[in-house]
Amino acid sequence: MHIRAGIADWYKEWQVIYYLINSKENIVGEIKHEYCKTLERLEFPAITKKAISRLD
Protein backbone atom coordinates (compact mmCIF):
# COMPACT_ATOMS: atom_id res chain seq x y z
CA MET A 1 0.00 0.00 0.00
CA HIS A 2 1.31 3.47 -0.91
CA ILE A 3 1.25 6.56 1.25
CA ARG A 4 -0.89 9.33 -0.18
CA ALA A 5 1.16 12.18 -1.69
CA GLY A 6 1.15 15.55 0.01
CA ILE A 7 -0.43 18.65 -1.48
CA ALA A 8 2.57 20.93 -0.84
CA ASP A 9 4.65 22.41 -3.66
CA TRP A 10 8.03 20.88 -4.43
CA TYR A 11 9.71 24.23 -4.01
CA LYS A 12 9.42 27.00 -1.45
CA GLU A 13 10.45 30.11 -3.41
CA TRP A 14 8.42 31.15 -6.45
CA GLN A 15 11.50 32.82 -8.02
CA VAL A 16 12.75 29.37 -9.03
CA ILE A 17 10.47 29.69 -12.06
CA TYR A 18 13.03 32.13 -13.55
CA TYR A 19 15.64 29.40 -13.49
CA LEU A 20 13.31 27.10 -15.41
CA ILE A 21 12.32 29.75 -17.94
CA ASN A 22 15.84 31.11 -18.51
CA SER A 23 17.58 27.77 -18.64
CA LYS A 24 19.75 27.55 -21.74
CA GLU A 25 20.61 23.96 -21.06
CA ASN A 26 20.65 21.89 -24.22
CA ILE A 27 20.00 18.27 -23.43
CA VAL A 28 21.33 15.97 -26.08
CA GLY A 29 20.94 12.47 -24.79
CA GLU A 30 20.64 8.99 -26.13
CA ILE A 31 17.11 8.55 -24.85
CA LYS A 32 15.63 8.04 -28.34
CA HIS A 33 18.20 5.38 -29.12
CA GLU A 34 17.69 3.68 -25.76
CA TYR A 35 13.90 3.84 -26.17
CA CYS A 36 14.09 2.19 -29.59
CA LYS A 37 16.44 -0.52 -28.33
CA THR A 38 14.04 -1.25 -25.45
CA LEU A 39 11.14 -1.56 -27.88
CA GLU A 40 13.16 -3.97 -29.99
CA ARG A 41 13.95 -6.06 -26.91
CA LEU A 42 10.24 -6.22 -26.07
CA GLU A 43 9.09 -6.93 -29.62
CA PHE A 44 11.38 -9.90 -30.22
CA PRO A 45 9.91 -12.16 -27.49
CA ALA A 46 6.38 -11.11 -28.44
CA ILE A 47 6.92 -11.97 -32.11
CA THR A 48 8.65 -15.23 -31.17
CA LYS A 49 5.79 -16.24 -28.87
CA LYS A 50 3.25 -15.47 -31.59
CA ALA A 51 5.20 -17.53 -34.15
CA ILE A 52 5.57 -20.48 -31.77
CA SER A 53 1.90 -20.43 -30.80
CA ARG A 54 0.96 -20.76 -34.50
CA LEU A 55 2.99 -23.97 -34.71
CA ASP A 56 0.91 -25.68 -32.00
C-alpha atoms as a PDB file:
ATOM      1  CA  MET A   1       0.000   0.000   0.000  1.00  0.00           C
ATOM      2  CA  HIS A   2       1.313   3.474  -0.910  1.00  0.00           C
ATOM      3  CA  ILE A   3       1.251   6.558   1.249  1.00  0.00           C
ATOM      4  CA  ARG A   4      -0.888   9.334  -0.184  1.00  0.00           C
ATOM      5  CA  ALA A   5       1.161  12.179  -1.688  1.00  0.00           C
ATOM      6  CA  GLY A   6       1.152  15.552   0.006  1.00  0.00           C
ATOM      7  CA  ILE A   7      -0.428  18.651  -1.481  1.00  0.00           C
ATOM      8  CA  ALA A   8       2.574  20.933  -0.843  1.00  0.00           C
ATOM      9  CA  ASP A   9       4.654  22.408  -3.660  1.00  0.00           C
ATOM     10  CA  TRP A  10       8.031  20.875  -4.431  1.00  0.00           C
ATOM     11  CA  TYR A  11       9.710  24.235  -4.015  1.00  0.00           C
ATOM     12  CA  LYS A  12       9.418  27.004  -1.447  1.00  0.00           C
ATOM     13  CA  GLU A  13      10.455  30.112  -3.409  1.00  0.00           C
ATOM     14  CA  TRP A  14       8.424  31.150  -6.452  1.00  0.00           C
ATOM     15  CA  GLN A  15      11.499  32.817  -8.020  1.00  0.00           C
ATOM     16  CA  VAL A  16      12.754  29.366  -9.031  1.00  0.00           C
ATOM     17  CA  ILE A  17      10.467  29.691 -12.061  1.00  0.00           C
ATOM     18  CA  TYR A  18      13.026  32.132 -13.549  1.00  0.00           C
ATOM     19  CA  TYR A  19      15.635  29.399 -13.486  1.00  0.00           C
ATOM     20  CA  LEU A  20      13.308  27.102 -15.407  1.00  0.00           C
ATOM     21  CA  ILE A  21      12.321  29.753 -17.939  1.00  0.00           C
ATOM     22  CA  ASN A  22      15.842  31.107 -18.510  1.00  0.00           C
ATOM     23  CA  SER A  23      17.577  27.772 -18.644  1.00  0.00           C
ATOM     24  CA  LYS A  24      19.746  27.552 -21.736  1.00  0.00           C
ATOM     25  CA  GLU A  25      20.607  23.955 -21.057  1.00  0.00           C
ATOM     26  CA  ASN A  26      20.653  21.891 -24.222  1.00  0.00           C
ATOM     27  CA  ILE A  27      19.997  18.275 -23.428  1.00  0.00           C
ATOM     28  CA  VAL A  28      21.328  15.966 -26.081  1.00  0.00           C
ATOM     29  CA  GLY A  29      20.943  12.475 -24.787  1.00  0.00           C
ATOM     30  CA  GLU A  30      20.637   8.993 -26.130  1.00  0.00           C
ATOM     31  CA  ILE A  31      17.106   8.551 -24.849  1.00  0.00           C
ATOM     32  CA  LYS A  32      15.630   8.041 -28.336  1.00  0.00           C
ATOM     33  CA  HIS A  33      18.203   5.382 -29.122  1.00  0.00           C
ATOM     34  CA  GLU A  34      17.694   3.677 -25.759  1.00  0.00           C
ATOM     35  CA  TYR A  35      13.904   3.837 -26.166  1.00  0.00           C
ATOM     36  CA  CYS A  36      14.086   2.195 -29.586  1.00  0.00           C
ATOM     37  CA  LYS A  37      16.436  -0.521 -28.329  1.00  0.00           C
ATOM     38  CA  THR A  38      14.043  -1.254 -25.454  1.00  0.00           C
ATOM     39  CA  LEU A  39      11.137  -1.563 -27.882  1.00  0.00           C
ATOM     40  CA  GLU A  40      13.164  -3.974 -29.993  1.00  0.00           C
ATOM     41  CA  ARG A  41      13.951  -6.057 -26.908  1.00  0.00           C
ATOM     42  CA  LEU A  42      10.239  -6.217 -26.066  1.00  0.00           C
ATOM     43  CA  GLU A  43       9.092  -6.925 -29.618  1.00  0.00           C
ATOM     44  CA  PHE A  44      11.383  -9.896 -30.222  1.00  0.00           C
ATOM     45  CA  PRO A  45       9.914 -12.160 -27.490  1.00  0.00           C
ATOM     46  CA  ALA A  46       6.380 -11.111 -28.439  1.00  0.00           C
ATOM     47  CA  ILE A  47       6.917 -11.968 -32.112  1.00  0.00           C
ATOM     48  CA  THR A  48       8.647 -15.225 -31.172  1.00  0.00           C
ATOM     49  CA  LYS A  49       5.789 -16.243 -28.873  1.00  0.00           C
ATOM     50  CA  LYS A  50       3.250 -15.468 -31.592  1.00  0.00           C
ATOM     51  CA  ALA A  51       5.201 -17.528 -34.152  1.00  0.00           C
ATOM     52  CA  ILE A  52       5.573 -20.483 -31.774  1.00  0.00           C
ATOM     53  CA  SER A  53       1.901 -20.433 -30.803  1.00  0.00           C
ATOM     54  CA  ARG A  54       0.962 -20.763 -34.498  1.00  0.00           C
ATOM     55  CA  LEU A  55       2.986 -23.970 -34.708  1.00  0.00           C
ATOM     56  CA  ASP A  56       0.915 -25.678 -32.000  1.00  0.00           C
END
